[in-house]
Amino acid sequence: MAEPGKRRPLIAEIKRNSLDDGPGIRSVVFFKGCPLSCVWCHNPECIGAGPELIYRETQCIGCRTCAKVCPEKAIPEKDGPAAVDREKCNLCGVCVEECPSGALAIVGKYYTPDELVEALARDKAFYDNSGGGVTLSGGEPTLALDYTAEIAKKLNERGIRVLIETCADFDWDRVKEKLLPWVDLVFVDMKLCAEDLHKKFTRRDNARIKQNIERLIALESPRVLVRVPLIPEVTATRENLVAIAEWMRSHGLKRIALLPYNPLWLAKARGLGQSPSYQRDTWMSKEEREAVKKIFAEFEIERDI
């Protein structure tokens, strides 16, 4: 089902057997569409709500079959899929079907709620035996609120626990009424404390985000875990992390998740035809990670970094 006035919600990926997105063994559903546009987004294929063509350079064998079969001539034969003309491309999928190595794919598939729940319920035995469940992520799952709430409710009815990963930039009253009753755990990101920096690096201010996180904390259920994405020279500055630690202290929070920077997103962004303004292509050093841990020494850190 589509939200009023919006396109049908699309799923970028369903990742099974995940151990990184909540307790136990989980299936993670990555929704397309997000109100933020973080310059470091680790899931750049999930920012836009519509379908997109992605090129995976490491899988390409250079055969140029895609250029030969493209009816719109959107792929130049000389440069291949790395230079696809996205103005010409109409996402017909012919290049994807003919690509012998799977280097091209269209990201974004619609499932009816029943189809998606059936696909996720296949692994219920693994969820039950490990204390796991389903994680609804993205992107931002609350953008397609009616759809997401229906999925969460149907999973609950099958005895499957639901976790949502959210940026917290949502309509509180609607989310509280429709979605939270079906959710066991919320992972919510605190990226930048200063409003001006938040707007600079995500293109949205954080007033509503902070308010919604505070509202989530005040609830007895679902449980909430605040996470901090550690982006060198952006979020992982001493000034920002000290401010976040103080904010958490003021709200009585004692547990935090720290998410070290992962540069692998850059290849995905380039494969989508994007030119990211943030370009760090190395992992965080041990020294950088240790400096972060010292700032949060008084907190229980979810999983060592």
Protein backbone atom coordinates (compact mmCIF):
# COMPACT_ATOMS: atom_id res chain seq x y z
CA MET A 1 0.00 0.00 0.00
CA ALA A 2 1.19 3.53 -0.68
CA GLU A 3 1.03 6.40 1.78
CA PRO A 4 -1.53 9.05 0.79
CA GLY A 5 -0.09 11.13 -2.03
CA LYS A 6 3.10 9.07 -2.20
CA ARG A 7 4.53 6.31 -4.37
CA ARG A 8 4.50 2.71 -3.22
CA PRO A 9 7.24 2.02 -0.66
CA LEU A 10 10.20 0.16 -2.11
CA ILE A 11 12.64 -2.20 -0.43
CA ALA A 12 16.31 -1.84 -1.34
CA GLU A 13 17.42 -5.12 0.21
CA ILE A 14 16.49 -7.87 2.64
CA LYS A 15 19.59 -9.00 4.50
CA ARG A 16 19.21 -12.36 6.21
CA ASN A 17 21.27 -13.87 9.03
CA SER A 18 22.46 -10.50 10.30
CA LEU A 19 24.25 -10.28 13.65
CA ASP A 20 24.90 -6.53 13.50
CA ASP A 21 21.44 -4.92 13.60
CA GLY A 22 20.02 -5.91 16.96
CA PRO A 23 20.06 -8.91 19.30
CA GLY A 24 20.23 -12.45 17.97
CA ILE A 25 19.94 -13.55 14.36
CA ARG A 26 17.92 -11.05 12.36
CA SER A 27 16.55 -10.26 8.94
CA VAL A 28 17.07 -6.61 8.08
CA VAL A 29 14.70 -4.82 5.71
CA PHE A 30 16.23 -1.74 4.10
CA PHE A 31 13.55 0.74 3.02
CA LYS A 32 14.22 3.28 0.29
CA GLY A 33 13.65 6.94 1.12
CA CYS A 34 15.02 9.15 3.90
CA PRO A 35 14.28 12.74 5.02
CA LEU A 36 18.00 13.27 5.66
CA SER A 37 20.82 13.41 3.12
CA CYS A 38 23.87 12.75 5.27
CA VAL A 39 27.09 13.42 3.38
CA TRP A 40 28.51 10.12 4.69
CA CYS A 41 25.41 7.93 4.29
CA HIS A 42 26.49 4.29 4.51
CA ASN A 43 23.35 3.26 2.58
CA PRO A 44 23.28 5.82 -0.26
CA GLU A 45 21.00 3.56 -2.27
CA CYS A 46 18.35 4.14 0.41
CA ILE A 47 18.27 7.95 0.36
CA GLY A 48 16.00 8.29 -2.68
CA ALA A 49 12.53 6.76 -2.56
CA GLY A 50 12.43 5.65 -6.19
CA PRO A 51 14.15 2.79 -8.02
CA GLU A 52 17.77 3.31 -9.10
CA LEU A 53 20.31 1.61 -11.33
CA ILE A 54 23.50 0.65 -9.48
CA TYR A 55 26.79 -0.40 -11.05
CA ARG A 56 29.09 -2.70 -9.08
CA GLU A 57 32.52 -2.13 -10.57
CA THR A 58 34.21 -5.08 -8.85
CA GLN A 59 31.81 -7.51 -10.56
CA CYS A 60 32.15 -6.04 -14.05
CA ILE A 61 34.05 -8.14 -16.64
CA GLY A 62 34.17 -5.34 -19.22
CA CYS A 63 32.16 -7.16 -21.89
CA ARG A 64 30.05 -4.07 -22.75
CA THR A 65 26.97 -6.26 -23.31
CA CYS A 66 24.98 -3.64 -21.42
CA ALA A 67 25.94 -0.91 -23.91
CA LYS A 68 24.99 -3.11 -26.85
CA VAL A 69 21.52 -3.97 -25.56
CA CYS A 70 20.49 -0.65 -24.00
CA PRO A 71 17.50 0.59 -26.07
CA GLU A 72 18.02 4.19 -24.93
CA LYS A 73 21.78 4.20 -25.69
CA ALA A 74 22.32 5.39 -22.12
CA ILE A 75 25.52 3.33 -21.71
CA PRO A 76 28.45 4.40 -23.89
CA GLU A 77 30.26 1.44 -25.43
CA LYS A 78 33.67 3.06 -24.91
CA ASP A 79 33.35 3.78 -21.17
CA GLY A 80 30.74 1.21 -20.24
CA PRO A 81 28.35 1.25 -17.26
CA ALA A 82 30.63 3.46 -15.16
CA ALA A 83 29.53 6.33 -17.42
CA VAL A 84 25.80 5.57 -17.71
CA ASP A 85 23.76 8.61 -18.73
CA ARG A 86 21.11 8.70 -16.03
CA GLU A 87 19.09 11.31 -17.88
CA LYS A 88 18.60 8.87 -20.75
CA CYS A 89 18.18 5.76 -18.59
CA ASN A 90 14.50 4.87 -18.06
CA LEU A 91 15.20 1.88 -15.75
CA CYS A 92 13.79 -0.58 -18.27
CA GLY A 93 16.11 -3.26 -16.83
CA VAL A 94 17.30 -4.72 -20.14
CA CYS A 95 20.97 -4.15 -19.22
CA VAL A 96 20.41 -5.84 -15.87
CA GLU A 97 18.84 -8.88 -17.48
CA GLU A 98 21.65 -9.23 -20.02
CA CYS A 99 24.61 -8.51 -17.75
CA PRO A 100 26.45 -11.86 -17.43
CA SER A 101 28.28 -10.96 -14.20
CA GLY A 102 25.51 -9.25 -12.22
CA ALA A 103 27.40 -5.96 -12.17
CA LEU A 104 24.20 -4.02 -12.82
CA ALA A 105 21.05 -4.09 -10.71
CA ILE A 106 17.94 -2.04 -10.13
CA VAL A 107 17.63 -1.20 -6.46
CA GLY A 108 14.06 -0.95 -5.23
CA LYS A 109 11.38 -3.62 -5.21
CA TYR A 110 7.81 -3.45 -4.02
CA TYR A 111 6.38 -6.21 -1.83
CA THR A 112 2.83 -6.37 -0.63
CA PRO A 113 2.75 -6.53 3.18
CA ASP A 114 1.77 -10.19 3.05
CA GLU A 115 4.58 -11.02 0.60
CA LEU A 116 7.16 -9.31 2.77
CA VAL A 117 5.94 -10.91 6.01
CA GLU A 118 5.92 -14.35 4.38
CA ALA A 119 9.50 -13.88 3.20
CA LEU A 120 10.63 -12.76 6.68
CA ALA A 121 8.71 -15.46 8.56
CA ARG A 122 10.66 -18.22 6.82
CA ASP A 123 13.48 -17.67 9.29
CA LYS A 124 11.33 -17.65 12.43
CA ALA A 125 13.11 -20.69 13.84
CA PHE A 126 16.41 -18.80 13.75
CA TYR A 127 14.84 -15.77 15.42
CA ASP A 128 13.28 -17.88 18.15
CA ASN A 129 16.43 -19.87 18.91
CA SER A 130 18.70 -16.82 19.07
CA GLY A 131 16.46 -14.15 20.60
CA GLY A 132 16.44 -12.35 17.27
CA GLY A 133 13.77 -11.02 14.97
CA VAL A 134 13.26 -8.51 12.17
CA THR A 135 14.91 -5.10 11.92
CA LEU A 136 13.17 -2.44 9.83
CA SER A 137 15.85 -0.08 8.60
CA GLY A 138 16.71 2.08 5.64
CA GLY A 139 16.59 4.79 4.66
CA GLU A 140 13.85 5.68 7.08
CA PRO A 141 11.09 3.10 7.66
CA THR A 142 8.69 5.65 9.18
CA LEU A 143 8.38 7.49 5.84
CA ALA A 144 6.03 4.71 4.71
CA LEU A 145 4.32 4.64 8.08
CA ASP A 146 1.06 2.85 7.24
CA TYR A 147 2.96 0.16 5.32
CA THR A 148 5.65 -0.23 7.99
CA ALA A 149 3.08 -0.41 10.80
CA GLU A 150 1.17 -3.11 8.94
CA ILE A 151 4.37 -5.13 8.50
CA ALA A 152 5.25 -4.76 12.19
CA LYS A 153 1.75 -5.74 13.30
CA LYS A 154 1.67 -8.84 11.08
CA LEU A 155 5.10 -9.91 12.33
CA ASN A 156 3.95 -9.47 15.94
CA GLU A 157 0.92 -11.63 15.25
CA ARG A 158 3.33 -14.38 14.21
CA GLY A 159 5.38 -14.00 17.38
CA ILE A 160 8.31 -12.27 15.64
CA ARG A 161 9.99 -9.41 17.49
CA VAL A 162 10.46 -6.12 15.63
CA LEU A 163 13.20 -3.51 15.91
CA ILE A 164 13.25 -0.23 14.01
CA GLU A 165 16.31 1.80 13.10
CA THR A 166 15.34 5.45 12.73
CA CYS A 167 16.76 8.93 12.35
CA ALA A 168 13.80 10.16 14.49
CA ASP A 169 12.76 12.84 12.00
CA PHE A 170 9.10 11.80 12.01
CA ASP A 171 5.61 12.83 13.08
CA TRP A 172 5.58 11.74 16.73
CA ASP A 173 1.84 11.36 17.23
CA ARG A 174 1.38 9.17 14.15
CA VAL A 175 4.41 6.99 14.86
CA LYS A 176 3.47 6.56 18.52
CA GLU A 177 -0.08 5.54 17.64
CA LYS A 178 0.49 3.36 14.58
CA LEU A 179 3.96 1.83 14.85
CA LEU A 180 5.40 1.81 18.37
CA PRO A 181 2.80 -0.61 19.82
CA TRP A 182 4.27 -3.29 17.55
CA VAL A 183 7.95 -2.55 18.21
CA ASP A 184 10.16 -4.11 20.90
CA LEU A 185 13.31 -2.05 20.42
CA VAL A 186 14.28 1.24 18.76
CA PHE A 187 17.77 2.09 17.54
CA VAL A 188 17.96 5.85 17.07
CA ASP A 189 20.90 7.91 15.83
CA MET A 190 22.25 11.01 17.51
CA LYS A 191 24.52 12.42 14.86
CA LEU A 192 25.32 16.04 15.66
CA CYS A 193 24.28 18.11 18.67
CA ALA A 194 24.74 21.56 17.13
CA GLU A 195 21.78 22.51 14.94
CA ASP A 196 23.86 24.42 12.39
CA LEU A 197 26.25 21.51 11.88
CA HIS A 198 23.39 19.02 11.69
CA LYS A 199 21.78 21.06 8.93
CA LYS A 200 25.11 21.49 7.12
CA PHE A 201 25.90 17.78 7.00
CA THR A 202 22.41 16.21 6.78
CA ARG A 203 20.41 19.05 5.11
CA ARG A 204 17.88 19.05 7.98
CA ASP A 205 17.89 20.68 11.39
CA ASN A 206 17.69 18.45 14.45
CA ALA A 207 15.07 20.15 16.65
CA ARG A 208 12.37 17.56 15.93
CA ILE A 209 14.91 14.74 16.06
CA LYS A 210 16.07 15.65 19.57
CA GLN A 211 12.50 16.10 20.76
CA ASN A 212 11.48 12.70 19.38
CA ILE A 213 14.48 10.96 20.94
CA GLU A 214 13.56 12.49 24.29
CA ARG A 215 9.99 11.29 23.85
CA LEU A 216 11.18 7.78 23.03
CA ILE A 217 13.41 7.74 26.12
CA ALA A 218 10.45 8.75 28.30
CA LEU A 219 8.42 5.70 27.22
CA GLU A 220 8.51 2.47 29.21
CA SER A 221 8.19 0.51 25.98
CA PRO A 222 9.74 0.03 23.47
CA ARG A 223 13.32 0.06 24.74
CA VAL A 224 15.64 2.61 23.14
CA LEU A 225 19.31 2.51 22.26
CA VAL A 226 21.01 5.73 21.15
CA ARG A 227 23.71 5.25 18.53
CA VAL A 228 26.41 7.63 17.34
CA PRO A 229 27.80 7.22 13.80
CA LEU A 230 31.49 8.10 14.05
CA ILE A 231 32.37 10.11 10.96
CA PRO A 232 35.91 11.52 11.11
CA GLU A 233 36.00 15.34 11.01
CA VAL A 234 32.18 15.49 11.00
CA THR A 235 30.50 13.71 13.93
CA ALA A 236 33.64 12.24 15.51
CA THR A 237 35.04 15.56 16.66
CA ARG A 238 35.81 15.98 20.34
CA GLU A 239 33.44 18.95 20.58
CA ASN A 240 30.49 17.04 19.15
CA LEU A 241 31.10 13.84 21.11
CA VAL A 242 31.52 15.68 24.41
CA ALA A 243 28.23 17.47 23.68
CA ILE A 244 26.48 14.17 22.96
CA ALA A 245 27.87 12.62 26.15
CA GLU A 246 26.58 15.59 28.15
CA TRP A 247 23.17 15.37 26.46
CA MET A 248 22.94 11.66 27.28
CA ARG A 249 24.03 12.28 30.87
CA SER A 250 21.33 14.92 31.26
CA HIS A 251 18.70 12.37 30.17
CA GLY A 252 19.90 9.64 32.48
CA LEU A 253 21.18 7.40 29.70
CA LYS A 254 23.93 4.96 30.61
CA ARG A 255 24.23 2.84 27.46
CA ILE A 256 25.34 3.84 23.98
CA ALA A 257 26.26 2.28 20.64
CA LEU A 258 29.25 3.69 18.76
CA LEU A 259 29.32 3.01 15.02
CA PRO A 260 32.82 3.30 13.53
CA TYR A 261 33.19 4.78 10.07
CA ASN A 262 33.06 2.30 7.17
CA PRO A 263 34.41 3.63 3.84
CA LEU A 264 32.82 0.90 1.71
CA TRP A 265 29.77 3.11 1.11
CA LEU A 266 31.80 5.24 -1.32
CA ALA A 267 31.81 2.52 -3.98
CA LYS A 268 28.03 2.23 -3.72
CA ALA A 269 27.56 5.99 -4.03
CA ARG A 270 29.74 6.14 -7.13
CA GLY A 271 27.94 3.13 -8.57
CA LEU A 272 24.71 5.15 -8.27
CA GLY A 273 26.24 8.02 -10.22
CA GLN A 274 26.69 10.17 -7.12
CA SER A 275 29.69 12.40 -6.40
CA PRO A 276 29.90 12.55 -2.58
CA SER A 277 31.29 15.72 -1.04
CA TYR A 278 32.74 13.62 1.80
CA GLN A 279 35.49 11.40 0.46
CA ARG A 280 37.39 9.69 3.27
CA ASP A 281 38.31 6.24 1.96
CA THR A 282 40.07 4.77 4.99
CA TRP A 283 38.82 3.11 8.16
CA MET A 284 39.18 4.76 11.55
CA SER A 285 42.57 4.16 13.14
CA LYS A 286 42.99 2.48 16.50
CA GLU A 287 44.03 5.84 17.94
CA GLU A 288 40.87 7.52 16.66
CA ARG A 289 38.68 4.79 18.11
CA GLU A 290 40.44 4.85 21.46
CA ALA A 291 39.99 8.63 21.71
CA VAL A 292 36.26 8.20 21.18
CA LYS A 293 36.00 5.46 23.81
CA LYS A 294 37.65 7.70 26.40
CA ILE A 295 34.94 10.33 25.94
CA PHE A 296 32.25 7.72 26.65
CA ALA A 297 34.20 5.85 29.34
CA GLU A 298 31.40 6.27 31.91
CA PHE A 299 28.82 4.68 29.60
CA GLU A 300 28.19 1.04 28.83
CA ILE A 301 29.28 0.76 25.20
CA GLU A 302 27.27 -1.66 23.11
CA ARG A 303 29.90 -3.84 21.44
CA ASP A 304 33.56 -2.84 21.53
CA ILE A 305 34.84 -0.66 18.71
